[in-house]
Amino acid sequence: MASMKKGIDLTDEQIKRQINRLRKMIFSDYEEFEDGSYTGDLNEDVLELIATHIPVGEELSEFAFIEVVQNCAKELYEWLESNVNSVDKRLMALYCFDFINQSLSTIYAIEFIDNDGKDDPMYA
């Protein structure tokens, strides 16, 4: 039976150091506090990258929102990959998706609308 590798094969300390490397690339004036929280301003390149994926004045279906998150996270991953060294690629991919998902979720208001099943696979 083939062995299944679970999770990312890094210690907690390695994960913390690598996430801090990513945060220092994403944020300028990055500062971490003892309670694990942090502060900083988005790097101008990252801010522009995110802005190119935000449809202005459009309603997004759940599927369209996920697509925006995926595309933006992929572009952030590619940008980070060319600008940071010594970070596990799986960790970086997970971090990018989580960061972009949280960031865009704070920008968009989520509300339920009646769309006559347009985005419901049950009606495809």
Protein backbone atom coordinates (compact mmCIF):
# COMPACT_ATOMS: atom_id res chain seq x y z
CA MET A 1 0.00 0.00 0.00
CA ALA A 2 1.42 3.38 -0.99
CA SER A 3 2.13 5.78 1.83
CA MET A 4 0.18 9.00 1.85
CA LYS A 5 2.06 12.13 2.78
CA LYS A 6 -0.13 14.36 4.89
CA GLY A 7 0.27 18.08 5.15
CA ILE A 8 3.45 20.04 4.72
CA ASP A 9 6.58 18.32 5.97
CA LEU A 10 7.91 21.28 8.00
CA THR A 11 8.17 21.98 11.70
CA ASP A 12 5.96 24.64 13.24
CA GLU A 13 9.00 26.93 13.53
CA GLN A 14 9.89 26.46 9.86
CA ILE A 15 6.33 27.24 8.83
CA LYS A 16 6.31 30.36 11.02
CA ARG A 17 9.62 31.60 9.53
CA GLN A 18 8.47 30.97 5.98
CA ILE A 19 5.13 32.69 6.52
CA ASN A 20 6.99 35.67 7.98
CA ARG A 21 9.13 35.79 4.79
CA LEU A 22 5.95 35.90 2.73
CA ARG A 23 4.38 38.58 4.92
CA LYS A 24 7.52 40.73 4.67
CA MET A 25 7.21 40.57 0.88
CA ILE A 26 3.48 41.32 0.85
CA PHE A 27 3.55 44.12 3.43
CA SER A 28 5.80 47.13 3.84
CA ASP A 29 6.45 48.26 7.39
CA TYR A 30 5.59 44.72 8.53
CA GLU A 31 5.57 44.31 12.29
CA GLU A 32 4.58 41.22 14.29
CA PHE A 33 3.34 41.39 17.86
CA GLU A 34 3.76 38.93 20.74
CA ASP A 35 0.15 37.75 20.47
CA GLY A 36 0.74 36.60 16.88
CA SER A 37 -1.08 39.52 15.28
CA TYR A 38 0.72 41.75 12.80
CA THR A 39 0.42 45.03 11.00
CA GLY A 40 1.72 46.56 7.81
CA ASP A 41 0.72 48.31 4.63
CA LEU A 42 0.26 46.29 1.46
CA ASN A 43 3.26 46.46 -0.83
CA GLU A 44 2.39 48.67 -3.84
CA ASP A 45 2.97 45.79 -6.29
CA VAL A 46 0.63 43.51 -4.32
CA LEU A 47 -1.99 46.24 -4.04
CA GLU A 48 -1.93 46.75 -7.81
CA LEU A 49 -2.04 42.99 -8.41
CA ILE A 50 -5.16 42.64 -6.26
CA ALA A 51 -6.79 45.72 -7.80
CA THR A 52 -6.53 44.23 -11.30
CA HIS A 53 -8.73 41.32 -10.19
CA ILE A 54 -11.50 43.33 -8.54
CA PRO A 55 -14.47 43.80 -10.86
CA VAL A 56 -15.88 47.23 -10.08
CA GLY A 57 -19.63 47.65 -9.79
CA GLU A 58 -20.41 44.02 -10.63
CA GLU A 59 -22.36 41.42 -8.76
CA LEU A 60 -20.45 38.16 -8.59
CA SER A 61 -21.94 34.73 -8.21
CA GLU A 62 -20.30 32.40 -5.73
CA PHE A 63 -18.58 30.64 -8.62
CA ALA A 64 -17.36 33.89 -10.17
CA PHE A 65 -16.03 35.03 -6.78
CA ILE A 66 -14.09 31.77 -6.37
CA GLU A 67 -12.66 32.21 -9.85
CA VAL A 68 -11.52 35.76 -8.99
CA VAL A 69 -9.88 34.45 -5.79
CA GLN A 70 -8.17 31.61 -7.65
CA ASN A 71 -6.83 33.84 -10.43
CA CYS A 72 -5.62 36.50 -8.01
CA ALA A 73 -4.01 33.91 -5.70
CA LYS A 74 -2.26 32.30 -8.68
CA GLU A 75 -0.85 35.65 -9.78
CA LEU A 76 0.26 36.48 -6.23
CA TYR A 77 1.94 33.05 -6.03
CA GLU A 78 3.82 33.69 -9.28
CA TRP A 79 4.90 37.14 -8.07
CA LEU A 80 6.10 35.75 -4.73
CA GLU A 81 7.85 32.83 -6.40
CA SER A 82 9.97 35.26 -8.41
CA ASN A 83 10.69 37.50 -5.40
CA VAL A 84 11.26 35.24 -2.38
CA ASN A 85 13.60 32.32 -1.72
CA SER A 86 13.45 29.31 0.55
CA VAL A 87 9.70 28.94 0.95
CA ASP A 88 7.94 25.61 0.49
CA LYS A 89 5.82 25.87 -2.66
CA ARG A 90 2.79 24.14 -1.13
CA LEU A 91 2.91 26.43 1.90
CA MET A 92 3.19 29.45 -0.39
CA ALA A 93 0.21 28.29 -2.48
CA LEU A 94 -1.94 27.76 0.62
CA TYR A 95 -0.88 31.11 2.06
CA CYS A 96 -1.66 32.94 -1.20
CA PHE A 97 -5.13 31.41 -1.49
CA ASP A 98 -5.97 32.12 2.16
CA PHE A 99 -4.59 35.67 2.03
CA ILE A 100 -6.45 36.57 -1.16
CA ASN A 101 -9.68 34.89 -0.02
CA GLN A 102 -9.64 36.81 3.27
CA SER A 103 -8.68 40.07 1.56
CA LEU A 104 -11.38 39.89 -1.11
CA SER A 105 -13.98 38.68 1.39
CA THR A 106 -13.50 41.94 3.31
CA ILE A 107 -14.01 43.95 0.11
CA TYR A 108 -17.16 42.27 -1.13
CA ALA A 109 -20.48 42.25 0.68
CA ILE A 110 -22.04 38.82 0.55
CA GLU A 111 -25.78 38.63 0.10
CA PHE A 112 -28.18 36.10 -1.29
CA ILE A 113 -30.04 37.02 -4.45
CA ASP A 114 -32.55 35.13 -6.56
CA ASN A 115 -30.79 34.31 -9.81
CA ASP A 116 -33.29 31.81 -11.20
CA GLY A 117 -30.76 28.97 -10.89
CA LYS A 118 -28.29 30.49 -13.39
CA ASP A 119 -25.26 29.37 -11.37
CA ASP A 120 -26.79 26.29 -9.85
CA PRO A 121 -25.37 23.10 -11.38
CA MET A 122 -28.73 21.42 -10.64
CA TYR A 123 -30.22 23.53 -13.45
CA ALA A 124 -27.37 23.15 -15.98
